[in-house]
PDB file of N, CA and C in Angstrom:
ATOM      1  N   UNK A   1     -37.953  52.099  33.663  1.00  0.00           N
ATOM      2  CA  UNK A   1     -37.959  51.239  32.490  1.00  0.00           C
ATOM      3  C   UNK A   1     -37.929  52.102  31.234  1.00  0.00           C
ATOM      4  N   UNK A   2     -37.104  51.696  30.277  1.00  0.00           N
ATOM      5  CA  UNK A   2     -36.983  52.471  29.040  1.00  0.00           C
ATOM      6  C   UNK A   2     -38.219  52.280  28.182  1.00  0.00           C
ATOM      7  N   UNK A   3     -38.465  53.294  27.409  1.00  0.00           N
ATOM      8  CA  UNK A   3     -39.584  53.220  26.491  1.00  0.00           C
ATOM      9  C   UNK A   3     -39.258  52.244  25.369  1.00  0.00           C
ATOM     10  N   UNK A   4     -40.294  51.695  24.802  1.00  0.00           N
ATOM     11  CA  UNK A   4     -40.137  50.754  23.697  1.00  0.00           C
ATOM     12  C   UNK A   4     -39.402  51.424  22.533  1.00  0.00           C
ATOM     13  N   UNK A   5     -39.706  52.690  22.266  1.00  0.00           N
ATOM     14  CA  UNK A   5     -39.060  53.402  21.164  1.00  0.00           C
ATOM     15  C   UNK A   5     -37.555  53.496  21.387  1.00  0.00           C
ATOM     16  N   UNK A   6     -37.137  53.730  22.638  1.00  0.00           N
ATOM     17  CA  UNK A   6     -35.713  53.819  22.950  1.00  0.00           C
ATOM     18  C   UNK A   6     -35.024  52.484  22.696  1.00  0.00           C
ATOM     19  N   UNK A   7     -35.661  51.402  23.092  1.00  0.00           N
ATOM     20  CA  UNK A   7     -35.079  50.068  22.864  1.00  0.00           C
ATOM     21  C   UNK A   7     -35.010  49.755  21.383  1.00  0.00           C
ATOM     22  N   UNK A   8     -36.031  50.127  20.642  1.00  0.00           N
ATOM     23  CA  UNK A   8     -36.024  49.882  19.198  1.00  0.00           C
ATOM     24  C   UNK A   8     -34.925  50.693  18.516  1.00  0.00           C
ATOM     25  N   UNK A   9     -34.748  51.920  18.955  1.00  0.00           N
ATOM     26  CA  UNK A   9     -33.708  52.774  18.388  1.00  0.00           C
ATOM     27  C   UNK A   9     -32.320  52.201  18.695  1.00  0.00           C
ATOM     28  N   UNK A  10     -32.115  51.730  19.904  1.00  0.00           N
ATOM     29  CA  UNK A  10     -30.837  51.134  20.284  1.00  0.00           C
ATOM     30  C   UNK A  10     -30.582  49.866  19.476  1.00  0.00           C
ATOM     31  N   UNK A  11     -31.590  49.072  19.264  1.00  0.00           N
ATOM     32  CA  UNK A  11     -31.451  47.846  18.481  1.00  0.00           C
ATOM     33  C   UNK A  11     -31.088  48.180  17.036  1.00  0.00           C
ATOM     34  N   UNK A  12     -31.686  49.227  16.483  1.00  0.00           N
ATOM     35  CA  UNK A  12     -31.379  49.634  15.114  1.00  0.00           C
ATOM     36  C   UNK A  12     -29.939  50.134  15.007  1.00  0.00           C
ATOM     37  N   UNK A  13     -29.470  50.887  15.977  1.00  0.00           N
ATOM     38  CA  UNK A  13     -28.072  51.340  15.969  1.00  0.00           C
ATOM     39  C   UNK A  13     -27.120  50.153  16.030  1.00  0.00           C
ATOM     40  N   UNK A  14     -27.469  49.161  16.841  1.00  0.00           N
ATOM     41  CA  UNK A  14     -26.633  47.969  16.951  1.00  0.00           C
ATOM     42  C   UNK A  14     -26.617  47.203  15.632  1.00  0.00           C
ATOM     43  N   UNK A  15     -27.765  47.058  15.002  1.00  0.00           N
ATOM     44  CA  UNK A  15     -27.824  46.361  13.711  1.00  0.00           C
ATOM     45  C   UNK A  15     -26.972  47.088  12.672  1.00  0.00           C
ATOM     46  N   UNK A  16     -27.046  48.406  12.643  1.00  0.00           N
ATOM     47  CA  UNK A  16     -26.249  49.185  11.698  1.00  0.00           C
ATOM     48  C   UNK A  16     -24.762  49.014  11.985  1.00  0.00           C
ATOM     49  N   UNK A  17     -24.397  49.013  13.229  1.00  0.00           N
ATOM     50  CA  UNK A  17     -23.004  48.805  13.613  1.00  0.00           C
ATOM     51  C   UNK A  17     -22.520  47.425  13.182  1.00  0.00           C
ATOM     52  N   UNK A  18     -23.356  46.423  13.358  1.00  0.00           N
ATOM     53  CA  UNK A  18     -23.005  45.063  12.941  1.00  0.00           C
ATOM     54  C   UNK A  18     -22.853  44.981  11.431  1.00  0.00           C
ATOM     55  N   UNK A  19     -23.742  45.636  10.696  1.00  0.00           N
ATOM     56  CA  UNK A  19     -23.653  45.632   9.233  1.00  0.00           C
ATOM     57  C   UNK A  19     -22.334  46.253   8.771  1.00  0.00           C
ATOM     58  N   UNK A  20     -21.927  47.351   9.406  1.00  0.00           N
ATOM     59  CA  UNK A  20     -20.674  48.009   9.037  1.00  0.00           C
ATOM     60  C   UNK A  20     -19.485  47.107   9.334  1.00  0.00           C
ATOM     61  N   UNK A  21     -19.507  46.421  10.479  1.00  0.00           N
ATOM     62  CA  UNK A  21     -18.406  45.534  10.847  1.00  0.00           C
ATOM     63  C   UNK A  21     -18.297  44.371   9.875  1.00  0.00           C
ATOM     64  N   UNK A  22     -19.420  43.799   9.494  1.00  0.00           N
ATOM     65  CA  UNK A  22     -19.418  42.676   8.546  1.00  0.00           C
ATOM     66  C   UNK A  22     -18.898  43.141   7.191  1.00  0.00           C
ATOM     67  N   UNK A  23     -19.329  44.305   6.739  1.00  0.00           N
ATOM     68  CA  UNK A  23     -18.874  44.837   5.455  1.00  0.00           C
ATOM     69  C   UNK A  23     -17.362  45.067   5.475  1.00  0.00           C
ATOM     70  N   UNK A  24     -16.858  45.631   6.550  1.00  0.00           N
ATOM     71  CA  UNK A  24     -15.416  45.879   6.666  1.00  0.00           C
ATOM     72  C   UNK A  24     -14.640  44.559   6.633  1.00  0.00           C
ATOM     73  N   UNK A  25     -15.130  43.534   7.312  1.00  0.00           N
ATOM     74  CA  UNK A  25     -14.489  42.215   7.316  1.00  0.00           C
ATOM     75  C   UNK A  25     -14.491  41.613   5.917  1.00  0.00           C
ATOM     76  N   UNK A  26     -15.627  41.681   5.240  1.00  0.00           N
ATOM     77  CA  UNK A  26     -15.766  41.069   3.923  1.00  0.00           C
ATOM     78  C   UNK A  26     -14.905  41.749   2.869  1.00  0.00           C
ATOM     79  N   UNK A  27     -14.531  42.994   3.077  1.00  0.00           N
ATOM     80  CA  UNK A  27     -13.673  43.698   2.121  1.00  0.00           C
ATOM     81  C   UNK A  27     -12.276  43.093   2.055  1.00  0.00           C
ATOM     82  N   UNK A  28     -11.908  42.281   3.037  1.00  0.00           N
ATOM     83  CA  UNK A  28     -10.592  41.648   3.065  1.00  0.00           C
ATOM     84  C   UNK A  28     -10.519  40.391   2.206  1.00  0.00           C
ATOM     85  N   UNK A  29     -11.625  39.973   1.622  1.00  0.00           N
ATOM     86  CA  UNK A  29     -11.680  38.710   0.897  1.00  0.00           C
ATOM     87  C   UNK A  29     -12.387  38.882  -0.441  1.00  0.00           C
ATOM     88  N   UNK A  30     -12.107  37.980  -1.346  1.00  0.00           N
ATOM     89  CA  UNK A  30     -12.859  37.853  -2.595  1.00  0.00           C
ATOM     90  C   UNK A  30     -13.648  36.567  -2.505  1.00  0.00           C
ATOM     91  N   UNK A  31     -14.839  36.569  -3.009  1.00  0.00           N
ATOM     92  CA  UNK A  31     -15.706  35.390  -2.953  1.00  0.00           C
ATOM     93  C   UNK A  31     -15.813  34.806  -4.352  1.00  0.00           C
ATOM     94  N   UNK A  32     -15.706  33.482  -4.447  1.00  0.00           N
ATOM     95  CA  UNK A  32     -15.871  32.804  -5.719  1.00  0.00           C
ATOM     96  C   UNK A  32     -16.880  31.679  -5.548  1.00  0.00           C
ATOM     97  N   UNK A  33     -17.506  31.312  -6.639  1.00  0.00           N
ATOM     98  CA  UNK A  33     -18.397  30.155  -6.652  1.00  0.00           C
ATOM     99  C   UNK A  33     -17.665  29.027  -7.359  1.00  0.00           C
ATOM    100  N   UNK A  34     -17.813  27.840  -6.869  1.00  0.00           N
ATOM    101  CA  UNK A  34     -17.135  26.684  -7.447  1.00  0.00           C
ATOM    102  C   UNK A  34     -18.162  25.564  -7.606  1.00  0.00           C
ATOM    103  N   UNK A  35     -18.341  25.106  -8.821  1.00  0.00           N
ATOM    104  CA  UNK A  35     -19.271  24.004  -9.073  1.00  0.00           C
ATOM    105  C   UNK A  35     -18.477  22.719  -9.204  1.00  0.00           C
ATOM    106  N   UNK A  36     -18.986  21.656  -8.614  1.00  0.00           N
ATOM    107  CA  UNK A  36     -18.336  20.350  -8.738  1.00  0.00           C
ATOM    108  C   UNK A  36     -19.387  19.262  -8.614  1.00  0.00           C
ATOM    109  N   UNK A  37     -19.020  18.105  -9.079  1.00  0.00           N
ATOM    110  CA  UNK A  37     -19.928  16.960  -9.004  1.00  0.00           C
ATOM    111  C   UNK A  37     -20.149  16.597  -7.533  1.00  0.00           C
ATOM    112  N   UNK A  38     -21.338  16.151  -7.192  1.00  0.00           N
ATOM    113  CA  UNK A  38     -21.616  15.774  -5.802  1.00  0.00           C
ATOM    114  C   UNK A  38     -20.644  14.724  -5.261  1.00  0.00           C
ATOM    115  N   UNK A  39     -20.207  13.823  -6.140  1.00  0.00           N
ATOM    116  CA  UNK A  39     -19.282  12.776  -5.693  1.00  0.00           C
ATOM    117  C   UNK A  39     -17.940  13.366  -5.265  1.00  0.00           C
ATOM    118  N   UNK A  40     -17.450  14.346  -6.027  1.00  0.00           N
ATOM    119  CA  UNK A  40     -16.191  15.006  -5.681  1.00  0.00           C
ATOM    120  C   UNK A  40     -16.341  15.778  -4.374  1.00  0.00           C
ATOM    121  N   UNK A  41     -17.449  16.492  -4.249  1.00  0.00           N
ATOM    122  CA  UNK A  41     -17.724  17.227  -3.014  1.00  0.00           C
ATOM    123  C   UNK A  41     -17.702  16.280  -1.813  1.00  0.00           C
ATOM    124  N   UNK A  42     -18.340  15.140  -1.952  1.00  0.00           N
ATOM    125  CA  UNK A  42     -18.406  14.182  -0.842  1.00  0.00           C
ATOM    126  C   UNK A  42     -17.026  13.632  -0.516  1.00  0.00           C
ATOM    127  N   UNK A  43     -16.227  13.352  -1.539  1.00  0.00           N
ATOM    128  CA  UNK A  43     -14.864  12.867  -1.292  1.00  0.00           C
ATOM    129  C   UNK A  43     -14.057  13.892  -0.504  1.00  0.00           C
ATOM    130  N   UNK A  44     -14.212  15.164  -0.850  1.00  0.00           N
ATOM    131  CA  UNK A  44     -13.511  16.216  -0.112  1.00  0.00           C
ATOM    132  C   UNK A  44     -14.043  16.296   1.310  1.00  0.00           C
ATOM    133  N   UNK A  45     -15.350  16.275   1.469  1.00  0.00           N
ATOM    134  CA  UNK A  45     -15.960  16.351   2.801  1.00  0.00           C
ATOM    135  C   UNK A  45     -15.529  15.176   3.679  1.00  0.00           C
ATOM    136  N   UNK A  46     -15.329  14.022   3.070  1.00  0.00           N
ATOM    137  CA  UNK A  46     -14.930  12.830   3.811  1.00  0.00           C
ATOM    138  C   UNK A  46     -13.503  12.918   4.363  1.00  0.00           C
ATOM    139  N   UNK A  47     -12.726  13.903   3.901  1.00  0.00           N
ATOM    140  CA  UNK A  47     -11.369  14.066   4.425  1.00  0.00           C
ATOM    141  C   UNK A  47     -11.380  14.629   5.849  1.00  0.00           C
ATOM    142  N   UNK A  48     -12.502  15.177   6.273  1.00  0.00           N
ATOM    143  CA  UNK A  48     -12.596  15.767   7.605  1.00  0.00           C
ATOM    144  C   UNK A  48     -12.331  17.264   7.611  1.00  0.00           C
ATOM    145  N   UNK A  49     -11.846  17.807   6.493  1.00  0.00           N
ATOM    146  CA  UNK A  49     -11.644  19.247   6.377  1.00  0.00           C
ATOM    147  C   UNK A  49     -12.903  19.876   5.801  1.00  0.00           C
ATOM    148  N   UNK A  50     -13.029  21.179   6.029  1.00  0.00           N
ATOM    149  CA  UNK A  50     -14.120  21.856   5.335  1.00  0.00           C
ATOM    150  C   UNK A  50     -13.755  21.913   3.857  1.00  0.00           C
ATOM    151  N   UNK A  51     -14.750  21.927   3.009  1.00  0.00           N
ATOM    152  CA  UNK A  51     -14.511  21.973   1.573  1.00  0.00           C
ATOM    153  C   UNK A  51     -13.778  23.269   1.217  1.00  0.00           C
ATOM    154  N   UNK A  52     -14.142  24.362   1.853  1.00  0.00           N
ATOM    155  CA  UNK A  52     -13.491  25.641   1.608  1.00  0.00           C
ATOM    156  C   UNK A  52     -11.997  25.558   1.920  1.00  0.00           C
ATOM    157  N   UNK A  53     -11.644  25.019   3.070  1.00  0.00           N
ATOM    158  CA  UNK A  53     -10.240  24.887   3.461  1.00  0.00           C
ATOM    159  C   UNK A  53      -9.499  23.984   2.486  1.00  0.00           C
ATOM    160  N   UNK A  54     -10.113  22.896   2.091  1.00  0.00           N
ATOM    161  CA  UNK A  54      -9.491  21.962   1.150  1.00  0.00           C
ATOM    162  C   UNK A  54      -9.168  22.667  -0.164  1.00  0.00           C
ATOM    163  N   UNK A  55     -10.109  23.434  -0.686  1.00  0.00           N
ATOM    164  CA  UNK A  55      -9.909  24.123  -1.958  1.00  0.00           C
ATOM    165  C   UNK A  55      -8.793  25.161  -1.833  1.00  0.00           C
ATOM    166  N   UNK A  56      -8.791  25.927  -0.746  1.00  0.00           N
ATOM    167  CA  UNK A  56      -7.747  26.936  -0.546  1.00  0.00           C
ATOM    168  C   UNK A  56      -6.378  26.275  -0.479  1.00  0.00           C
ATOM    169  N   UNK A  57      -6.257  25.185   0.288  1.00  0.00           N
ATOM    170  CA  UNK A  57      -4.972  24.506   0.400  1.00  0.00           C
ATOM    171  C   UNK A  57      -4.540  23.913  -0.936  1.00  0.00           C
ATOM    172  N   UNK A  58      -5.467  23.357  -1.694  1.00  0.00           N
ATOM    173  CA  UNK A  58      -5.135  22.802  -3.003  1.00  0.00           C
ATOM    174  C   UNK A  58      -4.639  23.904  -3.938  1.00  0.00           C
ATOM    175  N   UNK A  59      -5.268  25.047  -3.911  1.00  0.00           N
ATOM    176  CA  UNK A  59      -4.831  26.173  -4.744  1.00  0.00           C
ATOM    177  C   UNK A  59      -3.439  26.634  -4.341  1.00  0.00           C
ATOM    178  N   UNK A  60      -3.186  26.731  -3.052  1.00  0.00           N
ATOM    179  CA  UNK A  60      -1.874  27.182  -2.581  1.00  0.00           C
ATOM    180  C   UNK A  60      -0.793  26.187  -2.983  1.00  0.00           C
ATOM    181  N   UNK A  61      -1.063  24.883  -2.856  1.00  0.00           N
ATOM    182  CA  UNK A  61      -0.091  23.863  -3.265  1.00  0.00           C
ATOM    183  C   UNK A  61       0.205  23.968  -4.762  1.00  0.00           C
ATOM    184  N   UNK A  62      -0.820  24.155  -5.561  1.00  0.00           N
ATOM    185  CA  UNK A  62      -0.643  24.274  -7.013  1.00  0.00           C
ATOM    186  C   UNK A  62       0.197  25.504  -7.343  1.00  0.00           C
ATOM    187  N   UNK A  63      -0.088  26.620  -6.699  1.00  0.00           N
ATOM    188  CA  UNK A  63       0.688  27.835  -6.950  1.00  0.00           C
ATOM    189  C   UNK A  63       2.151  27.663  -6.539  1.00  0.00           C
ATOM    190  N   UNK A  64       2.401  26.975  -5.434  1.00  0.00           N
ATOM    191  CA  UNK A  64       3.773  26.729  -4.999  1.00  0.00           C
ATOM    192  C   UNK A  64       4.512  25.867  -6.017  1.00  0.00           C
ATOM    193  N   UNK A  65       3.849  24.827  -6.523  1.00  0.00           N
ATOM    194  CA  UNK A  65       4.482  23.956  -7.529  1.00  0.00           C
ATOM    195  C   UNK A  65       4.772  24.758  -8.793  1.00  0.00           C
ATOM    196  N   UNK A  66       3.860  25.605  -9.198  1.00  0.00           N
ATOM    197  CA  UNK A  66       4.069  26.408 -10.403  1.00  0.00           C
ATOM    198  C   UNK A  66       5.213  27.400 -10.235  1.00  0.00           C
ATOM    199  N   UNK A  67       5.333  27.984  -9.064  1.00  0.00           N
ATOM    200  CA  UNK A  67       6.403  28.977  -8.860  1.00  0.00           C
ATOM    201  C   UNK A  67       7.766  28.303  -8.705  1.00  0.00           C
ATOM    202  N   UNK A  68       7.802  27.051  -8.267  1.00  0.00           N
ATOM    203  CA  UNK A  68       9.079  26.372  -8.116  1.00  0.00           C
ATOM    204  C   UNK A  68       9.627  25.888  -9.457  1.00  0.00           C
ATOM    205  N   UNK A  69       8.793  25.828 -10.473  1.00  0.00           N
ATOM    206  CA  UNK A  69       9.220  25.401 -11.810  1.00  0.00           C
ATOM    207  C   UNK A  69      10.002  26.497 -12.533  1.00  0.00           C
ATOM    208  N   UNK A  70       9.750  27.718 -12.169  1.00  0.00           N
ATOM    209  CA  UNK A  70      10.384  28.823 -12.894  1.00  0.00           C
ATOM    210  C   UNK A  70      11.698  29.238 -12.304  1.00  0.00           C
TER     211      UNK A  70
END
């Protein structure tokens, strides 16, 4: 049976590895905060999509419309 110290050390190495993986993943994205009225949030949530997905798709549609005008 391994010593408690060995298990704790292995757990710490795993936690550090997980932290590095999460940091590397997060570097691929930018995070923004978006404030909206609760009623608007609920209307979006009622569509069945996640609010995040809805906002991303709405932004992409707007950008496509703007680029097609030029």
